[in-house]
Amino acid sequence: MGEQLTIGELASRTGVATSALRYWEEFGLLPAPARISGRRRYPPSAVELVGVVLLLRDAGFTLREIRAFVASRAPADDGWRELYRRKLAELDQRIAQAQVARTAIAHGLACPHEDLFECANFTGGIAALLAGSSLEEAHDEIHSHP
């Protein structure tokens, strides 16, 4: 059967807690390992699979998305590309939202008022948000008036 890793050895090699490995197994990110005397025994390839999970998690994929990625590993299956395309579009949207938020906060810091609630731009932005505008629309609206 070759070298098999205990869950502790897998945790040590990957830096992932044994409780997380158990959860990932239960969730379907890792295949159920063989059991010897009731103890989990993972093949050495499990180290790389845990690395894949860590990489995708750090890139912003949810555990559900990672599970779909792991399931789409068949050589003829191009499903992982679609997962990547969707995640890239989602990240582009989040980056755009963060840039709008950054601009709004920078303008707030540049405001000459000691109390932001005395600033017509700030209160105008609040009113626009309450009227249903997005942060970007509210910010554009208050800064489009001279």
Protein backbone atom coordinates (compact mmCIF):
# COMPACT_ATOMS: atom_id res chain seq x y z
CA MET A 1 0.00 0.00 0.00
CA GLY A 2 3.02 2.30 0.24
CA GLU A 3 3.55 5.23 2.56
CA GLN A 4 0.35 6.34 4.26
CA LEU A 5 -0.01 9.44 6.39
CA THR A 6 -1.92 9.75 9.64
CA ILE A 7 -4.10 12.79 10.01
CA GLY A 8 -1.47 14.26 12.35
CA GLU A 9 1.25 13.79 9.75
CA LEU A 10 -0.95 15.37 7.06
CA ALA A 11 -1.64 18.28 9.39
CA SER A 12 2.07 18.67 10.12
CA ARG A 13 3.04 18.64 6.43
CA THR A 14 0.35 21.13 5.41
CA GLY A 15 -0.04 23.40 8.42
CA VAL A 16 -3.77 22.68 8.54
CA ALA A 17 -5.35 21.69 11.85
CA THR A 18 -6.61 18.13 12.15
CA SER A 19 -10.09 19.46 12.95
CA ALA A 20 -10.11 21.37 9.63
CA LEU A 21 -8.94 18.28 7.75
CA ARG A 22 -11.77 16.26 9.28
CA TYR A 23 -14.26 18.97 8.36
CA TRP A 24 -12.91 19.18 4.79
CA GLU A 25 -13.26 15.41 4.50
CA GLU A 26 -16.85 15.56 5.78
CA PHE A 27 -17.61 18.47 3.42
CA GLY A 28 -16.24 16.57 0.41
CA LEU A 29 -13.03 18.52 -0.23
CA LEU A 30 -10.88 15.52 0.64
CA PRO A 31 -11.79 11.94 -0.22
CA ALA A 32 -12.51 9.64 2.69
CA PRO A 33 -9.18 8.07 3.60
CA ALA A 34 -8.51 4.40 4.20
CA ARG A 35 -8.76 3.32 7.82
CA ILE A 36 -6.30 1.10 9.60
CA SER A 37 -7.40 0.07 13.07
CA GLY A 38 -9.97 2.86 12.90
CA ARG A 39 -7.35 5.56 12.18
CA ARG A 40 -7.35 7.64 9.03
CA ARG A 41 -4.53 6.90 6.58
CA TYR A 42 -4.04 9.32 3.71
CA PRO A 43 -2.04 8.73 0.55
CA PRO A 44 0.91 11.12 -0.02
CA SER A 45 -1.13 12.81 -2.79
CA ALA A 46 -3.40 14.23 -0.05
CA VAL A 47 -0.67 16.78 0.75
CA GLU A 48 -1.00 18.29 -2.74
CA LEU A 49 -4.79 18.21 -2.55
CA VAL A 50 -4.70 20.11 0.74
CA GLY A 51 -2.37 22.59 -0.99
CA VAL A 52 -4.94 23.05 -3.76
CA VAL A 53 -7.65 23.74 -1.18
CA LEU A 54 -5.41 26.30 0.56
CA LEU A 55 -4.52 28.03 -2.70
CA LEU A 56 -8.12 28.31 -3.83
CA ARG A 57 -9.28 29.42 -0.39
CA ASP A 58 -6.62 32.13 -0.29
CA ALA A 59 -7.66 33.21 -3.82
CA GLY A 60 -11.17 33.85 -2.52
CA PHE A 61 -13.03 30.68 -3.41
CA THR A 62 -15.65 29.45 -0.95
CA LEU A 63 -15.50 25.89 0.32
CA ARG A 64 -18.53 25.08 -1.84
CA GLU A 65 -16.71 26.42 -4.92
CA ILE A 66 -13.58 24.48 -3.99
CA ARG A 67 -15.63 21.31 -3.69
CA ALA A 68 -16.99 21.91 -7.22
CA PHE A 69 -13.43 22.51 -8.46
CA VAL A 70 -12.18 19.28 -6.88
CA ALA A 71 -15.14 17.41 -8.41
CA SER A 72 -14.37 18.84 -11.87
CA ARG A 73 -10.88 17.39 -12.09
CA ALA A 74 -11.73 14.88 -14.81
CA PRO A 75 -9.30 15.36 -17.74
CA ALA A 76 -12.10 16.03 -20.26
CA ASP A 77 -14.00 18.33 -17.91
CA ASP A 78 -13.50 22.04 -18.48
CA GLY A 79 -15.74 22.98 -15.51
CA TRP A 80 -12.85 24.41 -13.53
CA ARG A 81 -12.38 27.12 -16.20
CA GLU A 82 -15.96 28.28 -15.74
CA LEU A 83 -15.44 28.39 -11.96
CA TYR A 84 -12.33 30.51 -12.54
CA ARG A 85 -14.17 32.84 -14.96
CA ARG A 86 -16.99 33.41 -12.46
CA LYS A 87 -14.55 34.02 -9.60
CA LEU A 88 -12.55 36.47 -11.72
CA ALA A 89 -15.71 38.44 -12.55
CA GLU A 90 -16.69 38.42 -8.86
CA LEU A 91 -13.23 39.67 -7.84
CA ASP A 92 -13.34 42.43 -10.48
CA GLN A 93 -16.67 43.56 -9.04
CA ARG A 94 -15.34 43.50 -5.47
CA ILE A 95 -12.24 45.45 -6.53
CA ALA A 96 -14.41 48.08 -8.22
CA GLN A 97 -16.57 48.35 -5.07
CA ALA A 98 -13.46 48.67 -2.91
CA GLN A 99 -12.10 51.43 -5.16
CA VAL A 100 -15.37 53.36 -4.85
CA ALA A 101 -15.30 52.92 -1.07
CA ARG A 102 -11.66 54.04 -0.94
CA THR A 103 -12.44 57.19 -2.93
CA ALA A 104 -15.41 58.02 -0.70
CA ILE A 105 -13.32 57.55 2.45
CA ALA A 106 -10.44 59.62 1.05
CA HIS A 107 -12.89 62.43 0.27
CA GLY A 108 -14.26 62.15 3.80
CA LEU A 109 -10.76 62.53 5.22
CA ALA A 110 -10.21 65.61 3.04
CA CYS A 111 -13.44 67.21 4.28
CA PRO A 112 -12.74 70.56 5.99
CA HIS A 113 -15.61 70.10 8.50
CA GLU A 114 -14.70 69.01 12.01
CA ASP A 115 -18.07 67.23 12.24
CA LEU A 116 -18.94 65.19 9.14
CA PHE A 117 -22.64 65.59 9.96
CA GLU A 118 -22.24 69.30 9.19
CA CYS A 119 -20.92 68.54 5.71
CA ALA A 120 -23.51 68.91 2.94
CA ASN A 121 -21.68 66.31 0.84
CA PHE A 122 -21.79 63.75 3.65
CA THR A 123 -25.45 64.30 4.48
CA GLY A 124 -26.29 64.43 0.76
CA GLY A 125 -24.56 61.09 0.31
CA ILE A 126 -26.55 59.60 3.20
CA ALA A 127 -29.79 60.90 1.66
CA ALA A 128 -28.87 59.42 -1.74
CA LEU A 129 -28.10 56.03 -0.16
CA LEU A 130 -31.42 56.07 1.70
CA ALA A 131 -33.16 56.92 -1.59
CA GLY A 132 -31.74 53.74 -3.11
CA SER A 133 -28.51 54.88 -4.75
CA SER A 134 -25.41 52.73 -4.58
CA LEU A 135 -22.34 54.19 -2.88
CA GLU A 136 -20.86 54.96 -6.32
CA GLU A 137 -24.04 56.69 -7.50
CA ALA A 138 -24.35 58.67 -4.26
CA HIS A 139 -20.70 59.73 -4.41
CA ASP A 140 -20.98 60.73 -8.08
CA GLU A 141 -24.18 62.65 -7.38
CA ILE A 142 -22.78 64.75 -4.55
CA HIS A 143 -19.55 65.50 -6.40
CA SER A 144 -21.21 66.37 -9.71
CA HIS A 145 -22.73 69.55 -8.25
CA PRO A 146 -20.45 72.60 -8.13
